[in-house]
Amino acid sequence: MQAVIVGATGLVGGWVIQELLAEPGCTQLTSIGRRAQTPQVKKWSERIGPMNDLEPLLKDMNADVAFCCLGTTIKKAGSQSAFEEIDWHLPIRFAQAIRARGVKQFHVVSSLGADPRSKNFYLRTKGRMEEDLKKFGFETLVFYRPSLLLGEREEKRPLERLSIGAWRFLEPVYPRFLQTWKPIAAKAVARVMVQEALAEKKGTRILENRDIHAKIAQF
């Protein structure tokens, strides 16, 4: 498997990198981004540059599987339009560019509750991103919809930490009701993404938060 990834410096993306480096079935890994990570492993290379023009970064690149782990918050992005650029428009540009180069599989991190008709701006943006990605005709297209992600981030997200704390407090009281929203480790999401890519199962699928938990339990 030759893989390419965007969002490698994020919480899930960082773990996808680690999973791919440890996987013998992955022979070549290329990360695309704006920040250098200086890889120390032979099979891992990176291409750094502005993300508004992906063509120079993807020139002469060979890959059959792509991972999209892009994601931010409106606060960090600075505005709703800037958030849409990162969480919607950039994944679409990336998908279009790699599909033109023959990439057959696309695995993308979305969000629990993603819906293009949602009244919630965040979930609506994620839903629109999913709908647009379906148009490119990938042989394998998998959306991963995790709940709150567990793991150490570079930036502080107090509301996210508060939500995780509330869930842990309420889970013993409402276990079945809250199972759908159970927080999940970013490492677990990454592992499922890589294993799904190795399985090479064709078609468009959505793995909800509970599905990801179930698959991890099988490993």
N, C-alpha and C. Protein backbone atom coordinates (compact mmCIF):
# COMPACT_ATOMS: atom_id res chain seq x y z
N MET A 1 0.84 -1.19 0.00
CA MET A 1 0.00 0.00 0.00
C MET A 1 0.88 1.25 0.00
N GLN A 2 0.61 2.15 -0.93
CA GLN A 2 1.26 3.45 -0.97
C GLN A 2 0.21 4.48 -0.55
N ALA A 3 0.51 5.22 0.49
CA ALA A 3 -0.49 6.11 1.08
C ALA A 3 -0.06 7.57 1.05
N VAL A 4 -1.07 8.44 1.00
CA VAL A 4 -0.85 9.88 1.10
C VAL A 4 -1.84 10.41 2.13
N ILE A 5 -1.43 11.40 2.91
CA ILE A 5 -2.27 11.91 3.98
C ILE A 5 -2.19 13.43 4.07
N VAL A 6 -3.34 14.06 4.34
CA VAL A 6 -3.37 15.47 4.72
C VAL A 6 -3.93 15.52 6.14
N GLY A 7 -3.45 16.48 6.91
CA GLY A 7 -3.88 16.58 8.30
C GLY A 7 -3.02 15.74 9.23
N ALA A 8 -1.79 15.46 8.83
CA ALA A 8 -0.90 14.59 9.60
C ALA A 8 -0.48 15.21 10.93
N THR A 9 -0.57 16.52 11.06
CA THR A 9 -0.16 17.16 12.31
C THR A 9 -1.31 17.24 13.32
N GLY A 10 -2.50 16.79 12.93
CA GLY A 10 -3.64 16.81 13.83
C GLY A 10 -3.65 15.60 14.75
N LEU A 11 -4.65 15.55 15.63
CA LEU A 11 -4.74 14.50 16.64
C LEU A 11 -4.88 13.12 16.01
N VAL A 12 -5.85 12.94 15.13
CA VAL A 12 -6.04 11.64 14.47
C VAL A 12 -4.94 11.40 13.44
N GLY A 13 -4.62 12.43 12.67
CA GLY A 13 -3.61 12.28 11.62
C GLY A 13 -2.26 11.83 12.14
N GLY A 14 -1.88 12.33 13.30
CA GLY A 14 -0.61 11.93 13.90
C GLY A 14 -0.57 10.44 14.21
N TRP A 15 -1.72 9.92 14.66
CA TRP A 15 -1.79 8.49 14.96
C TRP A 15 -1.88 7.65 13.69
N VAL A 16 -2.51 8.19 12.65
CA VAL A 16 -2.54 7.47 11.38
C VAL A 16 -1.11 7.27 10.87
N ILE A 17 -0.30 8.32 11.00
CA ILE A 17 1.11 8.22 10.60
C ILE A 17 1.79 7.08 11.36
N GLN A 18 1.61 7.06 12.68
CA GLN A 18 2.25 6.02 13.50
C GLN A 18 1.78 4.63 13.12
N GLU A 19 0.47 4.49 12.87
CA GLU A 19 -0.07 3.19 12.48
C GLU A 19 0.50 2.73 11.14
N LEU A 20 0.62 3.65 10.19
CA LEU A 20 1.14 3.31 8.87
C LEU A 20 2.63 2.96 8.92
N LEU A 21 3.37 3.67 9.74
CA LEU A 21 4.80 3.39 9.86
C LEU A 21 5.05 2.01 10.46
N ALA A 22 4.13 1.59 11.34
CA ALA A 22 4.28 0.28 11.98
C ALA A 22 3.69 -0.85 11.14
N GLU A 23 3.03 -0.51 10.06
CA GLU A 23 2.35 -1.51 9.23
C GLU A 23 3.24 -1.96 8.07
N PRO A 24 3.64 -3.24 8.06
CA PRO A 24 4.50 -3.73 6.97
C PRO A 24 3.84 -3.61 5.60
N GLY A 25 2.50 -3.63 5.59
CA GLY A 25 1.79 -3.55 4.32
C GLY A 25 1.86 -2.18 3.67
N CYS A 26 2.30 -1.18 4.41
CA CYS A 26 2.48 0.17 3.85
C CYS A 26 3.93 0.34 3.45
N THR A 27 4.17 0.48 2.16
CA THR A 27 5.54 0.57 1.65
C THR A 27 6.00 2.01 1.41
N GLN A 28 5.05 2.93 1.26
CA GLN A 28 5.40 4.33 1.02
C GLN A 28 4.33 5.24 1.61
N LEU A 29 4.76 6.26 2.33
CA LEU A 29 3.84 7.19 2.98
C LEU A 29 4.29 8.62 2.69
N THR A 30 3.36 9.42 2.16
CA THR A 30 3.65 10.82 1.87
C THR A 30 2.65 11.70 2.59
N SER A 31 3.14 12.66 3.35
CA SER A 31 2.25 13.60 4.03
C SER A 31 2.31 14.95 3.33
N ILE A 32 1.14 15.56 3.16
CA ILE A 32 1.01 16.85 2.50
C ILE A 32 0.57 17.87 3.54
N GLY A 33 1.26 18.99 3.66
CA GLY A 33 0.85 19.97 4.66
C GLY A 33 1.62 21.27 4.59
N ARG A 34 1.32 22.13 5.55
CA ARG A 34 1.98 23.44 5.62
C ARG A 34 3.10 23.48 6.63
N ARG A 35 3.14 22.49 7.55
CA ARG A 35 4.17 22.45 8.58
C ARG A 35 5.04 21.21 8.44
N ALA A 36 6.35 21.41 8.53
CA ALA A 36 7.28 20.30 8.40
C ALA A 36 7.34 19.47 9.67
N GLN A 37 7.51 18.15 9.50
CA GLN A 37 7.66 17.24 10.63
C GLN A 37 9.01 16.53 10.60
N THR A 38 9.80 16.75 9.56
CA THR A 38 11.12 16.15 9.38
C THR A 38 11.12 14.65 9.67
N PRO A 39 10.55 13.84 8.78
CA PRO A 39 10.49 12.39 8.96
C PRO A 39 11.88 11.77 9.08
N GLN A 40 12.00 10.77 9.94
CA GLN A 40 13.26 10.08 10.13
C GLN A 40 13.17 8.64 9.65
N VAL A 41 12.10 8.30 8.95
CA VAL A 41 11.88 6.94 8.46
C VAL A 41 11.94 6.95 6.93
N LYS A 42 12.61 5.96 6.36
CA LYS A 42 12.83 5.94 4.92
C LYS A 42 11.54 5.93 4.10
N LYS A 43 10.55 5.18 4.54
CA LYS A 43 9.34 5.06 3.71
C LYS A 43 8.39 6.24 3.87
N TRP A 44 8.73 7.21 4.73
CA TRP A 44 7.90 8.38 4.96
C TRP A 44 8.58 9.62 4.42
N SER A 45 7.87 10.34 3.56
CA SER A 45 8.36 11.61 3.05
C SER A 45 7.26 12.66 3.20
N GLU A 46 7.61 13.90 3.10
CA GLU A 46 6.61 14.96 3.22
C GLU A 46 6.84 16.04 2.17
N ARG A 47 5.74 16.68 1.81
CA ARG A 47 5.78 17.77 0.86
C ARG A 47 5.08 18.97 1.49
N ILE A 48 5.82 20.04 1.64
CA ILE A 48 5.33 21.20 2.38
C ILE A 48 5.10 22.38 1.44
N GLY A 49 3.96 23.03 1.61
CA GLY A 49 3.66 24.19 0.79
C GLY A 49 2.26 24.70 1.05
N PRO A 50 1.85 25.76 0.36
CA PRO A 50 0.50 26.31 0.54
C PRO A 50 -0.56 25.33 0.08
N MET A 51 -1.62 25.19 0.87
CA MET A 51 -2.64 24.20 0.57
C MET A 51 -3.69 24.70 -0.41
N ASN A 52 -3.60 25.96 -0.79
CA ASN A 52 -4.57 26.46 -1.77
C ASN A 52 -4.20 26.04 -3.19
N ASP A 53 -3.00 25.49 -3.38
CA ASP A 53 -2.58 24.99 -4.68
C ASP A 53 -1.88 23.65 -4.46
N LEU A 54 -2.62 22.57 -4.61
CA LEU A 54 -2.09 21.25 -4.30
C LEU A 54 -1.30 20.62 -5.44
N GLU A 55 -1.46 21.13 -6.64
CA GLU A 55 -0.83 20.51 -7.80
C GLU A 55 0.69 20.37 -7.66
N PRO A 56 1.42 21.42 -7.26
CA PRO A 56 2.87 21.27 -7.11
C PRO A 56 3.24 20.24 -6.05
N LEU A 57 2.42 20.13 -5.00
CA LEU A 57 2.72 19.21 -3.90
C LEU A 57 2.47 17.76 -4.29
N LEU A 58 1.59 17.54 -5.26
CA LEU A 58 1.24 16.18 -5.66
C LEU A 58 1.92 15.74 -6.95
N LYS A 59 2.77 16.58 -7.49
CA LYS A 59 3.43 16.27 -8.75
C LYS A 59 4.25 14.99 -8.64
N ASP A 60 4.07 14.10 -9.63
CA ASP A 60 4.81 12.84 -9.70
C ASP A 60 4.60 11.94 -8.48
N MET A 61 3.50 12.09 -7.79
CA MET A 61 3.23 11.28 -6.61
C MET A 61 2.46 10.02 -6.98
N ASN A 62 2.88 8.89 -6.43
CA ASN A 62 2.18 7.62 -6.64
C ASN A 62 1.55 7.18 -5.32
N ALA A 63 0.26 6.88 -5.36
CA ALA A 63 -0.45 6.41 -4.16
C ALA A 63 -1.72 5.70 -4.59
N ASP A 64 -2.16 4.77 -3.78
CA ASP A 64 -3.44 4.11 -4.06
C ASP A 64 -4.44 4.31 -2.94
N VAL A 65 -3.97 4.82 -1.78
CA VAL A 65 -4.85 5.08 -0.65
C VAL A 65 -4.58 6.47 -0.12
N ALA A 66 -5.64 7.22 0.19
CA ALA A 66 -5.49 8.56 0.76
C ALA A 66 -6.26 8.67 2.07
N PHE A 67 -5.68 9.39 3.01
CA PHE A 67 -6.30 9.65 4.30
C PHE A 67 -6.45 11.16 4.47
N CYS A 68 -7.65 11.59 4.83
CA CYS A 68 -7.92 13.00 5.08
C CYS A 68 -8.30 13.16 6.55
N CYS A 69 -7.44 13.79 7.31
CA CYS A 69 -7.65 13.96 8.76
C CYS A 69 -7.72 15.44 9.12
N LEU A 70 -8.20 16.25 8.20
CA LEU A 70 -8.29 17.69 8.43
C LEU A 70 -9.42 18.01 9.40
N GLY A 71 -9.21 19.01 10.23
CA GLY A 71 -10.25 19.42 11.16
C GLY A 71 -9.78 20.54 12.05
N THR A 72 -10.66 21.48 12.32
CA THR A 72 -10.32 22.60 13.19
C THR A 72 -11.57 23.02 13.95
N THR A 73 -11.52 24.15 14.59
CA THR A 73 -12.69 24.74 15.26
C THR A 73 -12.90 26.13 14.68
N ILE A 74 -14.10 26.64 14.83
CA ILE A 74 -14.39 27.98 14.33
C ILE A 74 -13.51 29.00 15.05
N LYS A 75 -13.31 28.78 16.36
CA LYS A 75 -12.48 29.70 17.14
C LYS A 75 -11.05 29.74 16.61
N LYS A 76 -10.49 28.57 16.34
CA LYS A 76 -9.11 28.51 15.86
C LYS A 76 -9.01 29.03 14.43
N ALA A 77 -10.01 28.71 13.60
CA ALA A 77 -10.00 29.16 12.21
C ALA A 77 -10.16 30.67 12.12
N GLY A 78 -10.96 31.23 13.02
CA GLY A 78 -11.15 32.68 13.05
C GLY A 78 -12.48 33.16 12.51
N SER A 79 -13.14 32.34 11.71
CA SER A 79 -14.44 32.71 11.15
C SER A 79 -15.10 31.46 10.57
N GLN A 80 -16.39 31.58 10.29
CA GLN A 80 -17.09 30.44 9.70
C GLN A 80 -16.56 30.14 8.30
N SER A 81 -16.25 31.17 7.54
CA SER A 81 -15.75 30.95 6.18
C SER A 81 -14.37 30.27 6.21
N ALA A 82 -13.53 30.66 7.17
CA ALA A 82 -12.21 30.04 7.30
C ALA A 82 -12.35 28.59 7.74
N PHE A 83 -13.32 28.33 8.60
CA PHE A 83 -13.59 26.95 9.04
C PHE A 83 -14.04 26.11 7.85
N GLU A 84 -14.93 26.64 7.02
CA GLU A 84 -15.41 25.92 5.84
C GLU A 84 -14.26 25.60 4.89
N GLU A 85 -13.31 26.52 4.78
CA GLU A 85 -12.17 26.31 3.90
C GLU A 85 -11.38 25.07 4.32
N ILE A 86 -11.18 24.89 5.62
CA ILE A 86 -10.38 23.78 6.12
C ILE A 86 -11.17 22.47 6.18
N ASP A 87 -12.39 22.54 6.65
CA ASP A 87 -13.17 21.32 6.90
C ASP A 87 -14.06 20.89 5.73
N TRP A 88 -14.18 21.72 4.73
CA TRP A 88 -15.04 21.38 3.60
C TRP A 88 -14.30 21.52 2.27
N HIS A 89 -13.88 22.73 1.95
CA HIS A 89 -13.33 22.99 0.62
C HIS A 89 -11.96 22.32 0.40
N LEU A 90 -11.10 22.33 1.40
CA LEU A 90 -9.78 21.71 1.24
C LEU A 90 -9.88 20.20 1.05
N PRO A 91 -10.71 19.48 1.82
CA PRO A 91 -10.87 18.04 1.53
C PRO A 91 -11.36 17.77 0.12
N ILE A 92 -12.23 18.65 -0.40
CA ILE A 92 -12.74 18.47 -1.75
C ILE A 92 -11.63 18.67 -2.78
N ARG A 93 -10.82 19.70 -2.61
CA ARG A 93 -9.71 19.93 -3.54
C ARG A 93 -8.71 18.77 -3.50
N PHE A 94 -8.45 18.29 -2.31
CA PHE A 94 -7.53 17.17 -2.15
C PHE A 94 -8.08 15.92 -2.84
N ALA A 95 -9.36 15.65 -2.63
CA ALA A 95 -9.99 14.48 -3.25
C ALA A 95 -9.95 14.56 -4.77
N GLN A 96 -10.25 15.73 -5.30
CA GLN A 96 -10.25 15.92 -6.75
C GLN A 96 -8.86 15.69 -7.33
N ALA A 97 -7.85 16.21 -6.64
CA ALA A 97 -6.48 16.11 -7.14
C ALA A 97 -5.96 14.67 -7.10
N ILE A 98 -6.24 13.95 -6.02
CA ILE A 98 -5.71 12.60 -5.92
C ILE A 98 -6.51 11.62 -6.78
N ARG A 99 -7.80 11.89 -6.95
CA ARG A 99 -8.61 11.01 -7.82
C ARG A 99 -8.10 11.10 -9.26
N ALA A 100 -7.69 12.30 -9.66
CA ALA A 100 -7.16 12.49 -11.02
C ALA A 100 -5.85 11.73 -11.20
N ARG A 101 -5.19 11.38 -10.10
CA ARG A 101 -3.92 10.65 -10.15
C ARG A 101 -4.12 9.14 -9.92
N GLY A 102 -5.36 8.71 -9.92
CA GLY A 102 -5.63 7.29 -9.86
C GLY A 102 -5.78 6.68 -8.48
N VAL A 103 -5.84 7.50 -7.45
CA VAL A 103 -6.04 6.97 -6.10
C VAL A 103 -7.42 6.32 -6.02
N LYS A 104 -7.47 5.09 -5.51
CA LYS A 104 -8.72 4.33 -5.50
C LYS A 104 -9.47 4.40 -4.17
N GLN A 105 -8.73 4.58 -3.08
CA GLN A 105 -9.36 4.60 -1.75
C GLN A 105 -9.22 5.97 -1.10
N PHE A 106 -10.31 6.40 -0.45
CA PHE A 106 -10.27 7.67 0.28
C PHE A 106 -10.93 7.46 1.64
N HIS A 107 -10.17 7.73 2.69
CA HIS A 107 -10.65 7.56 4.07
C HIS A 107 -10.60 8.92 4.76
N VAL A 108 -11.75 9.38 5.23
CA VAL A 108 -11.84 10.75 5.74
C VAL A 108 -12.50 10.82 7.11
N VAL A 109 -11.92 11.61 7.98
CA VAL A 109 -12.49 11.84 9.31
C VAL A 109 -13.58 12.90 9.20
N SER A 110 -14.77 12.55 9.60
CA SER A 110 -15.90 13.48 9.61
C SER A 110 -16.29 13.73 11.07
N SER A 111 -17.56 13.64 11.38
CA SER A 111 -18.01 13.89 12.75
C SER A 111 -19.34 13.20 13.02
N LEU A 112 -19.50 12.73 14.22
CA LEU A 112 -20.79 12.20 14.65
C LEU A 112 -21.86 13.27 14.44
N GLY A 113 -22.95 12.90 13.79
CA GLY A 113 -24.03 13.85 13.56
C GLY A 113 -23.91 14.66 12.29
N ALA A 114 -22.91 14.37 11.47
CA ALA A 114 -22.75 15.11 10.21
C ALA A 114 -24.01 15.00 9.36
N ASP A 115 -24.50 16.15 8.89
CA ASP A 115 -25.75 16.17 8.12
C ASP A 115 -25.81 17.46 7.33
N PRO A 116 -25.88 17.38 6.00
CA PRO A 116 -25.91 18.60 5.18
C PRO A 116 -27.14 19.47 5.43
N ARG A 117 -28.14 18.94 6.08
CA ARG A 117 -29.36 19.71 6.38
C ARG A 117 -29.47 20.12 7.86
N SER A 118 -28.43 19.87 8.61
CA SER A 118 -28.45 20.20 10.03
C SER A 118 -28.52 21.71 10.26
N LYS A 119 -29.18 22.10 11.34
CA LYS A 119 -29.23 23.52 11.71
C LYS A 119 -27.93 23.95 12.39
N ASN A 120 -27.17 22.97 12.83
CA ASN A 120 -25.88 23.25 13.46
C ASN A 120 -24.83 23.49 12.38
N PHE A 121 -24.16 24.62 12.42
CA PHE A 121 -23.21 25.00 11.37
C PHE A 121 -22.09 23.97 11.23
N TYR A 122 -21.52 23.53 12.33
CA TYR A 122 -20.41 22.57 12.30
C TYR A 122 -20.84 21.26 11.63
N LEU A 123 -21.96 20.70 12.08
CA LEU A 123 -22.43 19.43 11.54
C LEU A 123 -22.90 19.57 10.09
N ARG A 124 -23.47 20.73 9.75
CA ARG A 124 -23.90 20.97 8.38
C ARG A 124 -22.69 21.03 7.44
N THR A 125 -21.62 21.67 7.88
CA THR A 125 -20.40 21.75 7.07
C THR A 125 -19.81 20.37 6.83
N LYS A 126 -19.75 19.56 7.87
CA LYS A 126 -19.24 18.20 7.74
C LYS A 126 -20.11 17.39 6.79
N GLY A 127 -21.43 17.56 6.90
CA GLY A 127 -22.35 16.84 6.03
C GLY A 127 -22.19 17.23 4.57
N ARG A 128 -21.99 18.51 4.31
CA ARG A 128 -21.80 18.98 2.94
C ARG A 128 -20.49 18.45 2.36
N MET A 129 -19.48 18.39 3.22
CA MET A 129 -18.21 17.81 2.78
C MET A 129 -18.40 16.36 2.36
N GLU A 130 -19.14 15.59 3.16
CA GLU A 130 -19.39 14.20 2.82
C GLU A 130 -20.13 14.06 1.49
N GLU A 131 -21.16 14.86 1.32
CA GLU A 131 -21.95 14.79 0.09
C GLU A 131 -21.12 15.10 -1.15
N ASP A 132 -20.26 16.10 -1.06
CA ASP A 132 -19.44 16.47 -2.21
C ASP A 132 -18.40 15.41 -2.54
N LEU A 133 -17.87 14.74 -1.51
CA LEU A 133 -16.85 13.73 -1.74
C LEU A 133 -17.41 12.51 -2.48
N LYS A 134 -18.69 12.27 -2.36
CA LYS A 134 -19.31 11.12 -3.02
C LYS A 134 -19.33 11.26 -4.54
N LYS A 135 -19.10 12.47 -5.02
CA LYS A 135 -19.21 12.73 -6.46
C LYS A 135 -17.98 12.29 -7.26
N PHE A 136 -16.88 11.95 -6.57
CA PHE A 136 -15.63 11.70 -7.29
C PHE A 136 -15.46 10.25 -7.73
N GLY A 137 -16.31 9.37 -7.31
CA GLY A 137 -16.29 8.00 -7.79
C GLY A 137 -15.13 7.15 -7.30
N PHE A 138 -14.71 7.33 -6.05
CA PHE A 138 -13.67 6.47 -5.49
C PHE A 138 -14.20 5.03 -5.40
N GLU A 139 -13.34 4.06 -5.66
CA GLU A 139 -13.74 2.66 -5.51
C GLU A 139 -14.09 2.36 -4.05
N THR A 140 -13.34 2.98 -3.15
CA THR A 140 -13.59 2.85 -1.71
C THR A 140 -13.63 4.24 -1.10
N LEU A 141 -14.72 4.57 -0.45
CA LEU A 141 -14.87 5.85 0.22
C LEU A 141 -15.48 5.58 1.59
N VAL A 142 -14.73 5.89 2.64
CA VAL A 142 -15.20 5.60 3.99
C VAL A 142 -15.16 6.87 4.83
N PHE A 143 -16.31 7.18 5.44
CA PHE A 143 -16.41 8.31 6.35
C PHE A 143 -16.37 7.78 7.78
N TYR A 144 -15.54 8.38 8.60
CA TYR A 144 -15.44 7.99 10.00
C TYR A 144 -16.05 9.12 10.84
N ARG A 145 -17.06 8.77 11.62
CA ARG A 145 -17.79 9.78 12.39
C ARG A 145 -17.59 9.58 13.89
N PRO A 146 -16.44 9.95 14.42
CA PRO A 146 -16.20 9.79 15.85
C PRO A 146 -16.93 10.84 16.68
N SER A 147 -17.11 10.52 17.94
CA SER A 147 -17.64 11.48 18.90
C SER A 147 -16.46 12.31 19.40
N LEU A 148 -16.50 12.74 20.64
CA LEU A 148 -15.38 13.50 21.21
C LEU A 148 -14.12 12.65 21.21
N LEU A 149 -13.03 13.24 20.75
CA LEU A 149 -11.78 12.52 20.63
C LEU A 149 -10.92 12.66 21.87
N LEU A 150 -10.39 11.54 22.32
CA LEU A 150 -9.51 11.53 23.48
C LEU A 150 -8.06 11.53 23.01
N GLY A 151 -7.25 12.38 23.62
CA GLY A 151 -5.84 12.48 23.24
C GLY A 151 -5.33 13.87 23.53
N GLU A 152 -4.02 14.01 23.56
CA GLU A 152 -3.41 15.30 23.86
C GLU A 152 -3.29 16.15 22.60
N ARG A 153 -3.94 17.30 22.63
CA ARG A 153 -3.87 18.24 21.51
C ARG A 153 -2.85 19.34 21.80
N GLU A 154 -2.41 19.98 20.72
CA GLU A 154 -1.51 21.12 20.88
C GLU A 154 -2.24 22.31 21.48
N GLU A 155 -3.49 22.52 21.02
CA GLU A 155 -4.26 23.66 21.53
C GLU A 155 -5.24 23.20 22.60
N LYS A 156 -5.61 24.11 23.49
CA LYS A 156 -6.55 23.81 24.55
C LYS A 156 -7.99 23.95 24.03
N ARG A 157 -8.84 22.99 24.39
CA ARG A 157 -10.25 23.03 24.04
C ARG A 157 -11.07 22.79 25.30
N PRO A 158 -11.28 23.84 26.10
CA PRO A 158 -11.96 23.68 27.39
C PRO A 158 -13.36 23.10 27.29
N LEU A 159 -14.13 23.50 26.28
CA LEU A 159 -15.50 22.98 26.14
C LEU A 159 -15.48 21.49 25.85
N GLU A 160 -14.49 21.06 25.06
CA GLU A 160 -14.37 19.64 24.75
C GLU A 160 -14.04 18.85 26.00
N ARG A 161 -13.12 19.37 26.81
CA ARG A 161 -12.77 18.69 28.06
C ARG A 161 -13.95 18.64 29.01
N LEU A 162 -14.73 19.72 29.04
CA LEU A 162 -15.91 19.76 29.90
C LEU A 162 -16.94 18.72 29.46
N SER A 163 -17.11 18.58 28.14
CA SER A 163 -18.07 17.62 27.61
C SER A 163 -17.65 16.18 27.93
N ILE A 164 -16.37 15.91 27.83
CA ILE A 164 -15.86 14.58 28.15
C ILE A 164 -16.07 14.27 29.62
N GLY A 165 -15.81 15.29 30.46
CA GLY A 165 -16.02 15.11 31.89
C GLY A 165 -17.48 14.84 32.23
N ALA A 166 -18.38 15.55 31.56
CA ALA A 166 -19.82 15.36 31.79
C ALA A 166 -20.25 13.97 31.35
N TRP A 167 -19.72 13.51 30.23
CA TRP A 167 -20.08 12.18 29.75
C TRP A 167 -19.64 11.12 30.76
N ARG A 168 -18.44 11.23 31.27
CA ARG A 168 -17.94 10.24 32.23
C ARG A 168 -18.77 10.23 33.51
N PHE A 169 -19.32 11.38 33.86
CA PHE A 169 -20.16 11.47 35.06
C PHE A 169 -21.52 10.83 34.83
N LEU A 170 -22.06 11.01 33.61
CA LEU A 170 -23.42 10.54 33.32
C LEU A 170 -23.49 9.10 32.81
N GLU A 171 -22.39 8.58 32.28
CA GLU A 171 -22.43 7.25 31.67
C GLU A 171 -22.96 6.17 32.62
N PRO A 172 -22.55 6.12 33.89
CA PRO A 172 -23.07 5.07 34.77
C PRO A 172 -24.57 5.17 35.00
N VAL A 173 -25.14 6.35 34.82
CA VAL A 173 -26.57 6.56 35.06
C VAL A 173 -27.40 6.24 33.82
N TYR A 174 -26.87 6.64 32.64
CA TYR A 174 -27.60 6.42 31.38
C TYR A 174 -26.69 5.70 30.38
N PRO A 175 -26.27 4.47 30.67
CA PRO A 175 -25.29 3.79 29.80
C PRO A 175 -25.76 3.58 28.38
N ARG A 176 -26.99 3.07 28.18
CA ARG A 176 -27.47 2.80 26.82
C ARG A 176 -27.72 4.08 26.04
N PHE A 177 -28.30 5.06 26.69
CA PHE A 177 -28.63 6.32 26.03
C PHE A 177 -27.38 7.04 25.56
N LEU A 178 -26.30 6.94 26.32
CA LEU A 178 -25.10 7.70 25.99
C LEU A 178 -24.09 6.91 25.16
N GLN A 179 -24.38 5.63 24.88
CA GLN A 179 -23.42 4.81 24.16
C GLN A 179 -23.06 5.38 22.79
N THR A 180 -24.04 5.98 22.14
CA THR A 180 -23.80 6.55 20.81
C THR A 180 -22.74 7.64 20.85
N TRP A 181 -22.70 8.41 21.95
CA TRP A 181 -21.79 9.55 22.04
C TRP A 181 -20.53 9.28 22.85
N LYS A 182 -20.28 8.03 23.16
CA LYS A 182 -19.12 7.69 23.99
C LYS A 182 -17.83 8.22 23.36
N PRO A 183 -17.04 9.02 24.09
CA PRO A 183 -15.77 9.52 23.56
C PRO A 183 -14.87 8.36 23.13
N ILE A 184 -14.01 8.63 22.18
CA ILE A 184 -13.15 7.58 21.65
C ILE A 184 -11.73 8.13 21.47
N ALA A 185 -10.76 7.27 21.72
CA ALA A 185 -9.36 7.67 21.57
C ALA A 185 -9.02 7.91 20.11
N ALA A 186 -8.31 9.00 19.84
CA ALA A 186 -7.89 9.30 18.47
C ALA A 186 -7.04 8.15 17.91
N LYS A 187 -6.27 7.51 18.77
CA LYS A 187 -5.44 6.38 18.36
C LYS A 187 -6.31 5.24 17.84
N ALA A 188 -7.47 5.04 18.47
CA ALA A 188 -8.37 3.97 18.05
C ALA A 188 -8.96 4.27 16.68
N VAL A 189 -9.36 5.52 16.47
CA VAL A 189 -9.90 5.92 15.17
C VAL A 189 -8.86 5.69 14.07
N ALA A 190 -7.62 6.09 14.35
CA ALA A 190 -6.55 5.92 13.37
C ALA A 190 -6.31 4.45 13.05
N ARG A 191 -6.34 3.61 14.06
CA ARG A 191 -6.10 2.19 13.82
C ARG A 191 -7.18 1.58 12.94
N VAL A 192 -8.43 1.95 13.20
CA VAL A 192 -9.53 1.44 12.39
C VAL A 192 -9.39 1.93 10.96
N MET A 193 -9.01 3.19 10.77
CA MET A 193 -8.85 3.73 9.42
C MET A 193 -7.81 2.93 8.62
N VAL A 194 -6.69 2.65 9.24
CA VAL A 194 -5.62 1.92 8.55
C VAL A 194 -6.05 0.48 8.25
N GLN A 195 -6.69 -0.16 9.21
CA GLN A 195 -7.13 -1.53 9.00
C GLN A 195 -8.20 -1.62 7.91
N GLU A 196 -9.08 -0.63 7.85
CA GLU A 196 -10.09 -0.59 6.80
C GLU A 196 -9.44 -0.40 5.43
N ALA A 197 -8.39 0.40 5.38
CA ALA A 197 -7.68 0.60 4.12
C ALA A 197 -7.01 -0.69 3.66
N LEU A 198 -6.44 -1.43 4.58
CA LEU A 198 -5.78 -2.68 4.25
C LEU A 198 -6.78 -3.73 3.79
N ALA A 199 -8.02 -3.66 4.28
CA ALA A 199 -9.05 -4.62 3.92
C ALA A 199 -9.51 -4.45 2.47
N GLU A 200 -9.35 -3.25 1.92
CA GLU A 200 -9.67 -2.95 0.52
C GLU A 200 -11.12 -3.31 0.17
N LYS A 201 -12.02 -3.06 1.08
CA LYS A 201 -13.44 -3.32 0.82
C LYS A 201 -14.01 -2.17 -0.01
N LYS A 202 -14.57 -2.50 -1.17
CA LYS A 202 -15.06 -1.47 -2.08
C LYS A 202 -16.44 -0.94 -1.67
N GLY A 203 -16.73 0.27 -2.16
CA GLY A 203 -18.02 0.89 -1.88
C GLY A 203 -17.89 2.09 -0.96
N THR A 204 -19.01 2.79 -0.81
CA THR A 204 -19.07 3.97 0.07
C THR A 204 -19.74 3.56 1.38
N ARG A 205 -19.06 3.84 2.48
CA ARG A 205 -19.57 3.43 3.79
C ARG A 205 -19.39 4.53 4.82
N ILE A 206 -20.21 4.47 5.85
CA ILE A 206 -20.09 5.37 7.00
C ILE A 206 -19.88 4.53 8.24
N LEU A 207 -18.81 4.79 8.95
CA LEU A 207 -18.57 4.14 10.23
C LEU A 207 -18.90 5.14 11.33
N GLU A 208 -20.02 4.92 11.99
CA GLU A 208 -20.42 5.78 13.08
C GLU A 208 -19.53 5.52 14.30
N ASN A 209 -19.67 6.37 15.29
CA ASN A 209 -18.87 6.25 16.50
C ASN A 209 -18.99 4.86 17.12
N ARG A 210 -20.22 4.34 17.21
CA ARG A 210 -20.41 3.01 17.81
C ARG A 210 -19.77 1.92 16.97
N ASP A 211 -19.73 2.10 15.64
CA ASP A 211 -19.10 1.12 14.76
C ASP A 211 -17.59 1.08 14.98
N ILE A 212 -16.99 2.24 15.18
CA ILE A 212 -15.55 2.31 15.42
C ILE A 212 -15.22 1.63 16.74
N HIS A 213 -16.03 1.90 17.77
CA HIS A 213 -15.83 1.23 19.07
C HIS A 213 -15.93 -0.29 18.91
N ALA A 214 -16.90 -0.75 18.13
CA ALA A 214 -17.11 -2.18 17.94
C ALA A 214 -15.93 -2.83 17.24
N LYS A 215 -15.37 -2.17 16.24
CA LYS A 215 -14.24 -2.72 15.51
C LYS A 215 -13.00 -2.78 16.39
N ILE A 216 -12.80 -1.76 17.21
CA ILE A 216 -11.64 -1.77 18.12
C ILE A 216 -11.74 -2.93 19.09
N ALA A 217 -12.95 -3.23 19.54
CA ALA A 217 -13.16 -4.33 20.49
C ALA A 217 -12.80 -5.68 19.85
N GLN A 218 -12.82 -5.76 18.53
CA GLN A 218 -12.51 -7.01 17.83
C GLN A 218 -11.02 -7.22 17.65
N PHE A 219 -10.25 -6.17 17.74
CA PHE A 219 -8.80 -6.28 17.51
C PHE A 219 -8.11 -6.97 18.69
